PDB file of N, CA and C in Angstrom:
ATOM      1  N   MET A   1     270.576 -70.355   1.260  1.00  0.00           N
ATOM      2  CA  MET A   1     270.966 -69.022   1.508  1.00  0.00           C
ATOM      3  C   MET A   1     270.084 -67.986   0.683  1.00  0.00           C
ATOM      4  N   GLU A   2     269.282 -66.966   1.772  1.00  0.00           N
ATOM      5  CA  GLU A   2     268.339 -65.934   0.806  1.00  0.00           C
ATOM      6  C   GLU A   2     269.438 -64.339   0.976  1.00  0.00           C
ATOM      7  N   ASN A   3     268.898 -63.986  -0.578  1.00  0.00           N
ATOM      8  CA  ASN A   3     269.654 -62.668  -0.861  1.00  0.00           C
ATOM      9  C   ASN A   3     268.607 -61.456  -0.425  1.00  0.00           C
ATOM     10  N   ASN A   4     269.178 -60.556   0.952  1.00  0.00           N
ATOM     11  CA  ASN A   4     268.341 -59.590   1.532  1.00  0.00           C
ATOM     12  C   ASN A   4     269.051 -58.076   0.532  1.00  0.00           C
ATOM     13  N   LYS A   5     268.193 -57.692  -0.282  1.00  0.00           N
ATOM     14  CA  LYS A   5     268.696 -56.840  -1.076  1.00  0.00           C
ATOM     15  C   LYS A   5     267.482 -55.552  -1.129  1.00  0.00           C
ATOM     16  N   THR A   6     268.455 -54.310  -0.556  1.00  0.00           N
ATOM     17  CA  THR A   6     267.620 -53.461  -0.396  1.00  0.00           C
ATOM     18  C   THR A   6     267.527 -52.358  -1.629  1.00  0.00           C
ATOM     19  N   THR A   7     266.431 -52.057  -2.535  1.00  0.00           N
ATOM     20  CA  THR A   7     266.630 -51.007  -3.516  1.00  0.00           C
ATOM     21  C   THR A   7     265.963 -49.855  -3.227  1.00  0.00           C
ATOM     22  N   SER A   8     266.273 -48.511  -4.134  1.00  0.00           N
ATOM     23  CA  SER A   8     265.861 -47.239  -3.655  1.00  0.00           C
ATOM     24  C   SER A   8     265.606 -47.041  -5.361  1.00  0.00           C
ATOM     25  N   GLU A   9     264.487 -46.243  -5.276  1.00  0.00           N
ATOM     26  CA  GLU A   9     263.923 -45.686  -6.556  1.00  0.00           C
ATOM     27  C   GLU A   9     263.089 -44.036  -6.171  1.00  0.00           C
ATOM     28  N   ARG A  10     263.078 -43.132  -7.376  1.00  0.00           N
ATOM     29  CA  ARG A  10     262.749 -42.240  -7.276  1.00  0.00           C
ATOM     30  C   ARG A  10     261.116 -42.574  -7.571  1.00  0.00           C
ATOM     31  N   VAL A  11     260.252 -41.647  -6.829  1.00  0.00           N
ATOM     32  CA  VAL A  11     258.869 -41.678  -7.148  1.00  0.00           C
ATOM     33  C   VAL A  11     258.120 -40.374  -6.755  1.00  0.00           C
ATOM     34  N   GLU A  12     257.036 -40.436  -7.058  1.00  0.00           N
ATOM     35  CA  GLU A  12     256.000 -39.252  -7.285  1.00  0.00           C
ATOM     36  C   GLU A  12     255.324 -39.505  -5.913  1.00  0.00           C
ATOM     37  N   VAL A  13     254.943 -38.788  -5.049  1.00  0.00           N
ATOM     38  CA  VAL A  13     254.184 -39.236  -3.721  1.00  0.00           C
ATOM     39  C   VAL A  13     253.097 -38.278  -3.684  1.00  0.00           C
ATOM     40  N   MET A  14     251.685 -38.823  -3.345  1.00  0.00           N
ATOM     41  CA  MET A  14     250.558 -38.079  -2.799  1.00  0.00           C
ATOM     42  C   MET A  14     250.693 -38.171  -1.372  1.00  0.00           C
ATOM     43  N   ALA A  15     250.817 -36.724  -0.887  1.00  0.00           N
ATOM     44  CA  ALA A  15     250.817 -36.700   0.831  1.00  0.00           C
ATOM     45  C   ALA A  15     249.860 -35.251   1.348  1.00  0.00           C
ATOM     46  N   LEU A  16     249.630 -35.670   2.425  1.00  0.00           N
ATOM     47  CA  LEU A  16     248.805 -34.933   3.028  1.00  0.00           C
ATOM     48  C   LEU A  16     249.618 -34.198   4.397  1.00  0.00           C
ATOM     49  N   PHE A  17     249.742 -33.120   4.088  1.00  0.00           N
ATOM     50  CA  PHE A  17     250.532 -31.969   5.186  1.00  0.00           C
ATOM     51  C   PHE A  17     249.971 -31.254   5.892  1.00  0.00           C
ATOM     52  N   GLY A  18     250.599 -31.065   7.188  1.00  0.00           N
ATOM     53  CA  GLY A  18     249.567 -30.281   8.077  1.00  0.00           C
ATOM     54  C   GLY A  18     248.663 -30.877   8.605  1.00  0.00           C
ATOM     55  N   TYR A  19     248.410 -32.194   9.042  1.00  0.00           N
ATOM     56  CA  TYR A  19     246.762 -32.594   9.447  1.00  0.00           C
ATOM     57  C   TYR A  19     247.153 -33.275  10.705  1.00  0.00           C
ATOM     58  N   GLU A  20     246.253 -32.646  11.582  1.00  0.00           N
ATOM     59  CA  GLU A  20     246.204 -32.582  12.993  1.00  0.00           C
ATOM     60  C   GLU A  20     247.641 -32.816  13.765  1.00  0.00           C
ATOM     61  N   MET A  21     248.015 -34.032  14.151  1.00  0.00           N
ATOM     62  CA  MET A  21     249.355 -33.977  14.878  1.00  0.00           C
ATOM     63  C   MET A  21     250.291 -34.657  14.091  1.00  0.00           C
ATOM     64  N   THR A  22     250.110 -34.964  12.669  1.00  0.00           N
ATOM     65  CA  THR A  22     251.016 -35.484  11.772  1.00  0.00           C
ATOM     66  C   THR A  22     251.278 -34.820  10.902  1.00  0.00           C
ATOM     67  N   PRO A  23     252.401 -34.208  10.845  1.00  0.00           N
ATOM     68  CA  PRO A  23     253.018 -32.746  10.064  1.00  0.00           C
ATOM     69  C   PRO A  23     252.853 -33.344   8.411  1.00  0.00           C
ATOM     70  N   CYS A  24     253.053 -34.719   8.092  1.00  0.00           N
ATOM     71  CA  CYS A  24     252.993 -35.209   6.289  1.00  0.00           C
ATOM     72  C   CYS A  24     252.589 -36.618   6.878  1.00  0.00           C
ATOM     73  N   GLN A  25     251.740 -37.031   6.011  1.00  0.00           N
ATOM     74  CA  GLN A  25     251.315 -38.664   5.676  1.00  0.00           C
ATOM     75  C   GLN A  25     251.016 -38.769   4.264  1.00  0.00           C
ATOM     76  N   PRO A  26     252.246 -39.640   4.246  1.00  0.00           N
ATOM     77  CA  PRO A  26     252.022 -39.988   2.369  1.00  0.00           C
ATOM     78  C   PRO A  26     250.884 -40.973   2.303  1.00  0.00           C
ATOM     79  N   LEU A  27     249.993 -40.669   1.043  1.00  0.00           N
ATOM     80  CA  LEU A  27     248.713 -41.488   0.831  1.00  0.00           C
ATOM     81  C   LEU A  27     249.058 -42.330  -0.050  1.00  0.00           C
ATOM     82  N   SER A  28     249.838 -41.999  -1.164  1.00  0.00           N
ATOM     83  CA  SER A  28     249.937 -42.936  -2.345  1.00  0.00           C
ATOM     84  C   SER A  28     251.265 -42.593  -2.832  1.00  0.00           C
ATOM     85  N   PHE A  29     251.630 -43.354  -3.769  1.00  0.00           N
ATOM     86  CA  PHE A  29     253.161 -43.263  -4.551  1.00  0.00           C
ATOM     87  C   PHE A  29     253.042 -43.943  -5.938  1.00  0.00           C
ATOM     88  N   LYS A  30     254.126 -43.727  -6.503  1.00  0.00           N
ATOM     89  CA  LYS A  30     253.912 -44.068  -8.100  1.00  0.00           C
ATOM     90  C   LYS A  30     255.564 -44.132  -8.697  1.00  0.00           C
ATOM     91  N   LYS A  31     255.624 -45.474  -9.145  1.00  0.00           N
ATOM     92  CA  LYS A  31     256.705 -45.548  -9.969  1.00  0.00           C
ATOM     93  C   LYS A  31     256.549 -45.038 -11.099  1.00  0.00           C
ATOM     94  N   ARG A  32     257.618 -44.801 -11.857  1.00  0.00           N
ATOM     95  CA  ARG A  32     257.766 -44.391 -13.104  1.00  0.00           C
ATOM     96  C   ARG A  32     256.981 -45.339 -14.226  1.00  0.00           C
ATOM     97  N   GLY A  33     256.018 -45.009 -14.970  1.00  0.00           N
ATOM     98  CA  GLY A  33     255.665 -46.133 -15.648  1.00  0.00           C
ATOM     99  C   GLY A  33     254.732 -47.289 -15.239  1.00  0.00           C
ATOM    100  N   GLU A  34     254.060 -46.677 -14.008  1.00  0.00           N
ATOM    101  CA  GLU A  34     253.203 -48.064 -13.132  1.00  0.00           C
ATOM    102  C   GLU A  34     252.245 -47.424 -12.919  1.00  0.00           C
ATOM    103  N   SER A  35     251.331 -48.249 -12.148  1.00  0.00           N
ATOM    104  CA  SER A  35     250.234 -47.502 -11.670  1.00  0.00           C
ATOM    105  C   SER A  35     250.217 -46.835 -10.190  1.00  0.00           C
ATOM    106  N   GLU A  36     249.292 -46.028  -9.683  1.00  0.00           N
ATOM    107  CA  GLU A  36     249.720 -45.473  -8.272  1.00  0.00           C
ATOM    108  C   GLU A  36     249.253 -46.781  -7.592  1.00  0.00           C
ATOM    109  N   VAL A  37     249.950 -46.667  -6.114  1.00  0.00           N
ATOM    110  CA  VAL A  37     249.817 -47.424  -5.138  1.00  0.00           C
ATOM    111  C   VAL A  37     249.404 -46.659  -4.000  1.00  0.00           C
ATOM    112  N   GLU A  38     248.306 -47.295  -3.223  1.00  0.00           N
ATOM    113  CA  GLU A  38     247.631 -46.547  -2.127  1.00  0.00           C
ATOM    114  C   GLU A  38     248.434 -47.021  -0.790  1.00  0.00           C
ATOM    115  N   VAL A  39     248.726 -46.288   0.232  1.00  0.00           N
ATOM    116  CA  VAL A  39     249.140 -46.214   1.207  1.00  0.00           C
ATOM    117  C   VAL A  39     248.573 -46.726   2.224  1.00  0.00           C
ATOM    118  N   THR A  40     248.410 -48.136   2.579  1.00  0.00           N
ATOM    119  CA  THR A  40     246.996 -48.691   3.445  1.00  0.00           C
ATOM    120  C   THR A  40     247.163 -48.403   5.362  1.00  0.00           C
ATOM    121  N   GLU A  41     248.750 -48.277   5.174  1.00  0.00           N
ATOM    122  CA  GLU A  41     249.338 -48.073   6.930  1.00  0.00           C
ATOM    123  C   GLU A  41     250.635 -47.632   6.986  1.00  0.00           C
ATOM    124  N   LEU A  42     250.429 -46.386   7.600  1.00  0.00           N
ATOM    125  CA  LEU A  42     251.451 -45.866   8.362  1.00  0.00           C
ATOM    126  C   LEU A  42     252.020 -45.909   9.645  1.00  0.00           C
ATOM    127  N   LEU A  43     253.157 -47.079   9.603  1.00  0.00           N
ATOM    128  CA  LEU A  43     253.569 -47.662  10.767  1.00  0.00           C
ATOM    129  C   LEU A  43     254.361 -46.644  11.836  1.00  0.00           C
ATOM    130  N   ARG A  44     255.392 -45.914  11.658  1.00  0.00           N
ATOM    131  CA  ARG A  44     255.959 -45.021  11.724  1.00  0.00           C
ATOM    132  C   ARG A  44     256.456 -44.133  11.241  1.00  0.00           C
ATOM    133  N   THR A  45     257.304 -43.035  11.847  1.00  0.00           N
ATOM    134  CA  THR A  45     257.758 -41.907  10.997  1.00  0.00           C
ATOM    135  C   THR A  45     259.512 -41.425  11.769  1.00  0.00           C
ATOM    136  N   HIS A  46     260.293 -41.022  11.477  1.00  0.00           N
ATOM    137  CA  HIS A  46     261.279 -40.563  11.778  1.00  0.00           C
ATOM    138  C   HIS A  46     262.157 -39.792  11.133  1.00  0.00           C
ATOM    139  N   ILE A  47     263.191 -39.248  11.543  1.00  0.00           N
ATOM    140  CA  ILE A  47     264.288 -38.453  10.718  1.00  0.00           C
ATOM    141  C   ILE A  47     265.642 -38.902  10.871  1.00  0.00           C
ATOM    142  N   LYS A  48     266.463 -38.573   9.611  1.00  0.00           N
ATOM    143  CA  LYS A  48     267.644 -38.973  10.063  1.00  0.00           C
ATOM    144  C   LYS A  48     268.192 -37.656   9.447  1.00  0.00           C
ATOM    145  N   PHE A  49     269.678 -37.206   9.755  1.00  0.00           N
ATOM    146  CA  PHE A  49     270.408 -36.100   8.963  1.00  0.00           C
ATOM    147  C   PHE A  49     271.219 -36.606   8.329  1.00  0.00           C
ATOM    148  N   VAL A  50     271.370 -36.345   6.870  1.00  0.00           N
ATOM    149  CA  VAL A  50     272.712 -36.516   6.156  1.00  0.00           C
ATOM    150  C   VAL A  50     273.278 -35.244   5.667  1.00  0.00           C
ATOM    151  N   GLY A  51     274.576 -35.059   6.330  1.00  0.00           N
ATOM    152  CA  GLY A  51     275.091 -33.587   6.055  1.00  0.00           C
ATOM    153  C   GLY A  51     274.105 -32.526   6.726  1.00  0.00           C
ATOM    154  N   ASN A  52     273.506 -31.841   5.794  1.00  0.00           N
ATOM    155  CA  ASN A  52     272.700 -30.527   5.986  1.00  0.00           C
ATOM    156  C   ASN A  52     271.298 -30.682   6.027  1.00  0.00           C
ATOM    157  N   ALA A  53     271.057 -32.099   5.372  1.00  0.00           N
ATOM    158  CA  ALA A  53     269.690 -32.057   4.876  1.00  0.00           C
ATOM    159  C   ALA A  53     268.930 -33.369   5.958  1.00  0.00           C
ATOM    160  N   ALA A  54     267.648 -32.724   5.842  1.00  0.00           N
ATOM    161  CA  ALA A  54     267.204 -33.733   6.935  1.00  0.00           C
ATOM    162  C   ALA A  54     266.121 -34.401   5.747  1.00  0.00           C
ATOM    163  N   HIS A  55     266.527 -36.030   6.611  1.00  0.00           N
ATOM    164  CA  HIS A  55     265.760 -36.801   5.659  1.00  0.00           C
ATOM    165  C   HIS A  55     264.501 -37.441   6.136  1.00  0.00           C
ATOM    166  N   HIS A  56     263.228 -37.284   5.809  1.00  0.00           N
ATOM    167  CA  HIS A  56     262.216 -37.910   6.509  1.00  0.00           C
ATOM    168  C   HIS A  56     261.739 -39.360   6.091  1.00  0.00           C
ATOM    169  N   LEU A  57     261.585 -40.118   7.129  1.00  0.00           N
ATOM    170  CA  LEU A  57     261.405 -41.489   6.793  1.00  0.00           C
ATOM    171  C   LEU A  57     260.020 -41.999   7.362  1.00  0.00           C
ATOM    172  N   PHE A  58     259.087 -42.657   6.413  1.00  0.00           N
ATOM    173  CA  PHE A  58     257.810 -43.091   6.667  1.00  0.00           C
ATOM    174  C   PHE A  58     257.977 -44.483   6.385  1.00  0.00           C
ATOM    175  N   ASP A  59     257.818 -45.381   7.378  1.00  0.00           N
ATOM    176  CA  ASP A  59     257.364 -46.829   7.432  1.00  0.00           C
ATOM    177  C   ASP A  59     256.067 -46.968   6.722  1.00  0.00           C
ATOM    178  N   ILE A  60     255.694 -47.977   6.192  1.00  0.00           N
ATOM    179  CA  ILE A  60     254.521 -47.639   5.498  1.00  0.00           C
ATOM    180  C   ILE A  60     254.249 -49.364   5.113  1.00  0.00           C
ATOM    181  N   ILE A  61     252.683 -49.709   4.793  1.00  0.00           N
ATOM    182  CA  ILE A  61     252.596 -50.833   4.476  1.00  0.00           C
ATOM    183  C   ILE A  61     251.696 -50.424   2.965  1.00  0.00           C
ATOM    184  N   ALA A  62     252.010 -51.258   1.753  1.00  0.00           N
ATOM    185  CA  ALA A  62     251.095 -50.799   0.954  1.00  0.00           C
ATOM    186  C   ALA A  62     251.088 -51.825   0.002  1.00  0.00           C
ATOM    187  N   SER A  63     249.899 -52.379  -0.756  1.00  0.00           N
ATOM    188  CA  SER A  63     249.900 -53.612  -1.434  1.00  0.00           C
ATOM    189  C   SER A  63     250.441 -54.759  -0.426  1.00  0.00           C
ATOM    190  N   HIS A  64     250.195 -54.784   0.910  1.00  0.00           N
ATOM    191  CA  HIS A  64     250.685 -56.196   1.628  1.00  0.00           C
ATOM    192  C   HIS A  64     252.262 -56.445   1.751  1.00  0.00           C
ATOM    193  N   ARG A  65     252.756 -55.211   1.220  1.00  0.00           N
ATOM    194  CA  ARG A  65     254.061 -55.462   1.559  1.00  0.00           C
ATOM    195  C   ARG A  65     254.888 -54.186   2.020  1.00  0.00           C
ATOM    196  N   ARG A  66     255.715 -54.394   3.177  1.00  0.00           N
ATOM    197  CA  ARG A  66     256.518 -53.141   3.789  1.00  0.00           C
ATOM    198  C   ARG A  66     257.838 -52.460   2.908  1.00  0.00           C
ATOM    199  N   TYR A  67     257.359 -50.709   2.948  1.00  0.00           N
ATOM    200  CA  TYR A  67     258.430 -50.058   2.536  1.00  0.00           C
ATOM    201  C   TYR A  67     258.748 -49.067   3.243  1.00  0.00           C
ATOM    202  N   VAL A  68     259.666 -48.330   2.856  1.00  0.00           N
ATOM    203  CA  VAL A  68     260.051 -47.080   3.345  1.00  0.00           C
ATOM    204  C   VAL A  68     260.002 -45.862   2.226  1.00  0.00           C
ATOM    205  N   LEU A  69     259.373 -45.078   2.609  1.00  0.00           N
ATOM    206  CA  LEU A  69     259.232 -43.426   1.625  1.00  0.00           C
ATOM    207  C   LEU A  69     260.215 -42.785   2.331  1.00  0.00           C
ATOM    208  N   GLU A  70     261.019 -42.035   1.981  1.00  0.00           N
ATOM    209  CA  GLU A  70     262.048 -40.980   2.307  1.00  0.00           C
ATOM    210  C   GLU A  70     262.176 -39.566   1.620  1.00  0.00           C
ATOM    211  N   PHE A  71     261.905 -38.479   2.260  1.00  0.00           N
ATOM    212  CA  PHE A  71     261.591 -37.350   1.619  1.00  0.00           C
ATOM    213  C   PHE A  71     262.827 -36.949   2.212  1.00  0.00           C
ATOM    214  N   ASN A  72     263.492 -36.367   1.101  1.00  0.00           N
ATOM    215  CA  ASN A  72     264.724 -35.247   1.287  1.00  0.00           C
ATOM    216  C   ASN A  72     264.195 -33.635   1.171  1.00  0.00           C
ATOM    217  N   SER A  73     264.445 -33.209   2.374  1.00  0.00           N
ATOM    218  CA  SER A  73     264.333 -31.804   2.810  1.00  0.00           C
ATOM    219  C   SER A  73     264.446 -30.678   1.808  1.00  0.00           C
ATOM    220  N   THR A  74     266.035 -30.912   1.211  1.00  0.00           N
ATOM    221  CA  THR A  74     266.427 -30.370   0.505  1.00  0.00           C
ATOM    222  C   THR A  74     266.504 -30.018  -0.552  1.00  0.00           C
ATOM    223  N   ASN A  75     265.950 -31.220  -1.566  1.00  0.00           N
ATOM    224  CA  ASN A  75     266.034 -31.388  -2.834  1.00  0.00           C
ATOM    225  C   ASN A  75     264.383 -31.592  -3.282  1.00  0.00           C
ATOM    226  N   LEU A  76     264.003 -31.713  -1.975  1.00  0.00           N
ATOM    227  CA  LEU A  76     262.261 -32.346  -2.236  1.00  0.00           C
ATOM    228  C   LEU A  76     261.891 -33.484  -3.077  1.00  0.00           C
ATOM    229  N   GLU A  77     263.005 -34.327  -2.663  1.00  0.00           N
ATOM    230  CA  GLU A  77     262.716 -35.497  -3.610  1.00  0.00           C
ATOM    231  C   GLU A  77     262.377 -36.736  -2.775  1.00  0.00           C
ATOM    232  N   TRP A  78     261.757 -37.303  -3.516  1.00  0.00           N
ATOM    233  CA  TRP A  78     260.957 -38.839  -2.835  1.00  0.00           C
ATOM    234  C   TRP A  78     261.519 -39.798  -3.022  1.00  0.00           C
ATOM    235  N   ARG A  79     261.918 -41.153  -2.107  1.00  0.00           N
ATOM    236  CA  ARG A  79     262.318 -42.318  -2.770  1.00  0.00           C
ATOM    237  C   ARG A  79     261.687 -43.228  -1.766  1.00  0.00           C
ATOM    238  N   LEU A  80     261.695 -44.423  -2.837  1.00  0.00           N
ATOM    239  CA  LEU A  80     260.939 -45.846  -2.479  1.00  0.00           C
ATOM    240  C   LEU A  80     261.992 -46.563  -1.946  1.00  0.00           C
ATOM    241  N   ILE A  81     261.754 -46.803  -1.001  1.00  0.00           N
ATOM    242  CA  ILE A  81     263.231 -48.199   0.156  1.00  0.00           C
ATOM    243  C   ILE A  81     262.383 -49.532  -0.239  1.00  0.00           C
ATOM    244  N   THR A  82     262.821 -50.868  -0.871  1.00  0.00           N
ATOM    245  CA  THR A  82     262.149 -51.956  -0.852  1.00  0.00           C
ATOM    246  C   THR A  82     262.956 -52.171  -0.009  1.00  0.00           C
ATOM    247  N   ILE A  83     262.365 -53.342   1.160  1.00  0.00           N
ATOM    248  CA  ILE A  83     262.977 -53.858   2.352  1.00  0.00           C
ATOM    249  C   ILE A  83     263.054 -55.432   1.789  1.00  0.00           C
TER     250      ILE A  83
END
């Protein structure tokens, strides 16, 4: 039996804001103490509301793996969700 565990950790993100039809596009992210990882593909974006905060979710491919980057518009924190 496979153990499907989702993890979430705070990361630094380099993003491009206000570019053509995409209001925000993450370009790379960096975990604490590790090297920067380039986002190779942006699959889709969507928004979920948690209380009064809008959380912008970016489904991405980086280093041949699928991740979700989550941006909290209230505290401006980025989180990397490993699927």
